[in-house]
Amino acid sequence: MDKLADRSCVPCDGDFPALAREQAESFMEHIPGWNLSGDATGISREYRFKDFADALAFTNAVGALAEEEGHHPDIALSWGKVGVSLTTHAIGGLSENDIILAAKIDLLPK
């Protein structure tokens, strides 16, 4: 499989199906640290930081990346940690865009 972080998210208007559980599970080995939801409709990860300022800086970097990719996660910011959740709302489940963005987020400075 080509390097996920080198790929770009593609616009999604609901014209393709969500990944099946087996497909989603096969992608998970390429994004260690991420967790597949029980119903396989999303992925999530929590990042830890030494303080609020570092967590906020990471949140802003994720936001900038999301804008660049045109694919937006749910982000939960609190003191010393950032939770990131990805799903593709237009298809009601997980898409390759979610996996690609997760791989790119993992490359951001922490």
C-alpha atoms as a PDB file:
ATOM      1  CA  MET A   1       0.000   0.000   0.000  1.00  0.00           C
ATOM      2  CA  ASP A   2       1.343   3.429  -0.863  1.00  0.00           C
ATOM      3  CA  LYS A   3       2.267   5.696   2.025  1.00  0.00           C
ATOM      4  CA  LEU A   4      -1.018   7.056   3.369  1.00  0.00           C
ATOM      5  CA  ALA A   5       0.427  10.376   4.511  1.00  0.00           C
ATOM      6  CA  ASP A   6       1.566  11.091   0.935  1.00  0.00           C
ATOM      7  CA  ARG A   7      -2.000  10.885  -0.351  1.00  0.00           C
ATOM      8  CA  SER A   8      -4.607  13.643  -0.290  1.00  0.00           C
ATOM      9  CA  CYS A   9      -8.198  13.532   0.839  1.00  0.00           C
ATOM     10  CA  VAL A  10     -10.735  13.615  -1.984  1.00  0.00           C
ATOM     11  CA  PRO A  11     -14.038  15.486  -1.885  1.00  0.00           C
ATOM     12  CA  CYS A  12     -16.895  13.291  -0.694  1.00  0.00           C
ATOM     13  CA  ASP A  13     -20.535  13.970  -1.394  1.00  0.00           C
ATOM     14  CA  GLY A  14     -21.809  10.550  -0.376  1.00  0.00           C
ATOM     15  CA  ASP A  15     -21.122   8.918  -3.725  1.00  0.00           C
ATOM     16  CA  PHE A  16     -19.166   5.962  -2.348  1.00  0.00           C
ATOM     17  CA  PRO A  17     -19.868   3.481   0.461  1.00  0.00           C
ATOM     18  CA  ALA A  18     -18.284   3.489   3.891  1.00  0.00           C
ATOM     19  CA  LEU A  19     -15.486   1.024   4.497  1.00  0.00           C
ATOM     20  CA  ALA A  20     -16.636  -2.401   5.625  1.00  0.00           C
ATOM     21  CA  ARG A  21     -15.264  -3.585   8.985  1.00  0.00           C
ATOM     22  CA  GLU A  22     -12.707  -5.853   7.275  1.00  0.00           C
ATOM     23  CA  GLN A  23     -11.438  -2.983   5.129  1.00  0.00           C
ATOM     24  CA  ALA A  24     -11.249  -0.664   8.133  1.00  0.00           C
ATOM     25  CA  GLU A  25      -9.370  -3.252  10.180  1.00  0.00           C
ATOM     26  CA  SER A  26      -6.824  -3.721   7.389  1.00  0.00           C
ATOM     27  CA  PHE A  27      -6.035   0.008   7.464  1.00  0.00           C
ATOM     28  CA  MET A  28      -5.552   0.111  11.234  1.00  0.00           C
ATOM     29  CA  GLU A  29      -2.066  -1.437  11.089  1.00  0.00           C
ATOM     30  CA  HIS A  30      -0.959   1.634   9.107  1.00  0.00           C
ATOM     31  CA  ILE A  31      -2.092   4.086  11.805  1.00  0.00           C
ATOM     32  CA  PRO A  32      -0.850   2.664  15.115  1.00  0.00           C
ATOM     33  CA  GLY A  33      -2.277   4.347  18.180  1.00  0.00           C
ATOM     34  CA  TRP A  34      -5.655   4.955  16.567  1.00  0.00           C
ATOM     35  CA  ASN A  35      -8.707   3.011  17.727  1.00  0.00           C
ATOM     36  CA  LEU A  36     -11.509   1.711  15.536  1.00  0.00           C
ATOM     37  CA  SER A  37     -14.971   2.285  17.002  1.00  0.00           C
ATOM     38  CA  GLY A  38     -17.043  -0.751  17.939  1.00  0.00           C
ATOM     39  CA  ASP A  39     -19.345  -0.270  14.976  1.00  0.00           C
ATOM     40  CA  ALA A  40     -16.377   0.478  12.624  1.00  0.00           C
ATOM     41  CA  THR A  41     -17.828   3.863  11.628  1.00  0.00           C
ATOM     42  CA  GLY A  42     -14.985   5.968  12.992  1.00  0.00           C
ATOM     43  CA  ILE A  43     -11.510   6.134  14.469  1.00  0.00           C
ATOM     44  CA  SER A  44     -10.105   8.084  17.382  1.00  0.00           C
ATOM     45  CA  ARG A  45      -6.876   8.819  19.201  1.00  0.00           C
ATOM     46  CA  GLU A  46      -5.807  10.773  22.244  1.00  0.00           C
ATOM     47  CA  TYR A  47      -2.558  12.738  22.263  1.00  0.00           C
ATOM     48  CA  ARG A  48      -0.900  13.824  25.528  1.00  0.00           C
ATOM     49  CA  PHE A  49       1.071  17.032  26.118  1.00  0.00           C
ATOM     50  CA  LYS A  50       2.986  18.616  28.980  1.00  0.00           C
ATOM     51  CA  ASP A  51       0.595  21.562  29.277  1.00  0.00           C
ATOM     52  CA  PHE A  52      -2.398  23.369  27.831  1.00  0.00           C
ATOM     53  CA  ALA A  53      -0.330  25.583  25.522  1.00  0.00           C
ATOM     54  CA  ASP A  54       1.231  22.596  23.758  1.00  0.00           C
ATOM     55  CA  ALA A  55      -2.155  20.892  23.455  1.00  0.00           C
ATOM     56  CA  LEU A  56      -3.627  24.080  21.986  1.00  0.00           C
ATOM     57  CA  ALA A  57      -0.764  24.437  19.495  1.00  0.00           C
ATOM     58  CA  PHE A  58      -1.334  20.860  18.346  1.00  0.00           C
ATOM     59  CA  THR A  59      -5.079  21.497  18.052  1.00  0.00           C
ATOM     60  CA  ASN A  60      -4.382  24.513  15.840  1.00  0.00           C
ATOM     61  CA  ALA A  61      -2.004  22.455  13.687  1.00  0.00           C
ATOM     62  CA  VAL A  62      -4.666  19.756  13.272  1.00  0.00           C
ATOM     63  CA  GLY A  63      -7.175  22.448  12.316  1.00  0.00           C
ATOM     64  CA  ALA A  64      -4.851  23.920   9.690  1.00  0.00           C
ATOM     65  CA  LEU A  65      -4.180  20.468   8.243  1.00  0.00           C
ATOM     66  CA  ALA A  66      -7.901  19.703   8.170  1.00  0.00           C
ATOM     67  CA  GLU A  67      -8.579  22.893   6.241  1.00  0.00           C
ATOM     68  CA  GLU A  68      -5.791  22.069   3.786  1.00  0.00           C
ATOM     69  CA  GLU A  69      -7.197  18.562   3.233  1.00  0.00           C
ATOM     70  CA  GLY A  70     -10.858  19.618   3.201  1.00  0.00           C
ATOM     71  CA  HIS A  71     -11.659  16.905   5.744  1.00  0.00           C
ATOM     72  CA  HIS A  72     -12.474  17.864   9.314  1.00  0.00           C
ATOM     73  CA  PRO A  73     -12.189  15.848  12.541  1.00  0.00           C
ATOM     74  CA  ASP A  74     -13.960  16.317  15.834  1.00  0.00           C
ATOM     75  CA  ILE A  75     -11.405  17.658  18.318  1.00  0.00           C
ATOM     76  CA  ALA A  76     -11.623  17.676  22.123  1.00  0.00           C
ATOM     77  CA  LEU A  77      -9.078  19.948  23.807  1.00  0.00           C
ATOM     78  CA  SER A  78      -8.345  19.848  27.518  1.00  0.00           C
ATOM     79  CA  TRP A  79      -5.357  20.470  29.764  1.00  0.00           C
ATOM     80  CA  GLY A  80      -2.508  18.335  28.468  1.00  0.00           C
ATOM     81  CA  LYS A  81      -4.488  16.279  25.990  1.00  0.00           C
ATOM     82  CA  VAL A  82      -6.228  16.401  22.649  1.00  0.00           C
ATOM     83  CA  GLY A  83      -8.748  13.844  21.458  1.00  0.00           C
ATOM     84  CA  VAL A  84      -9.228  13.498  17.705  1.00  0.00           C
ATOM     85  CA  SER A  85     -12.134  11.574  16.158  1.00  0.00           C
ATOM     86  CA  LEU A  86     -12.637  10.955  12.466  1.00  0.00           C
ATOM     87  CA  THR A  87     -15.615   9.742  10.474  1.00  0.00           C
ATOM     88  CA  THR A  88     -17.067  10.754   7.115  1.00  0.00           C
ATOM     89  CA  HIS A  89     -20.493  12.161   7.885  1.00  0.00           C
ATOM     90  CA  ALA A  90     -21.563  12.260   4.214  1.00  0.00           C
ATOM     91  CA  ILE A  91     -21.451   8.455   4.042  1.00  0.00           C
ATOM     92  CA  GLY A  92     -22.278   7.698   7.660  1.00  0.00           C
ATOM     93  CA  GLY A  93     -19.061   5.815   8.305  1.00  0.00           C
ATOM     94  CA  LEU A  94     -15.363   5.482   7.765  1.00  0.00           C
ATOM     95  CA  SER A  95     -13.655   6.394   4.489  1.00  0.00           C
ATOM     96  CA  GLU A  96     -10.098   6.351   3.225  1.00  0.00           C
ATOM     97  CA  ASN A  97     -10.079  10.126   3.828  1.00  0.00           C
ATOM     98  CA  ASP A  98     -10.300   9.430   7.554  1.00  0.00           C
ATOM     99  CA  ILE A  99      -7.338   7.066   7.397  1.00  0.00           C
ATOM    100  CA  ILE A 100      -5.285   9.483   5.280  1.00  0.00           C
ATOM    101  CA  LEU A 101      -5.956  12.395   7.633  1.00  0.00           C
ATOM    102  CA  ALA A 102      -5.094  10.242  10.664  1.00  0.00           C
ATOM    103  CA  ALA A 103      -1.741   9.346   9.088  1.00  0.00           C
ATOM    104  CA  LYS A 104      -1.034  13.025   8.378  1.00  0.00           C
ATOM    105  CA  ILE A 105      -2.018  14.078  11.906  1.00  0.00           C
ATOM    106  CA  ASP A 106       0.461  11.551  13.294  1.00  0.00           C
ATOM    107  CA  LEU A 107       3.253  13.391  11.441  1.00  0.00           C
ATOM    108  CA  LEU A 108       2.505  16.752  13.075  1.00  0.00           C
ATOM    109  CA  PRO A 109       4.994  17.960  15.692  1.00  0.00           C
ATOM    110  CA  LYS A 110       3.993  16.984  19.229  1.00  0.00           C
END
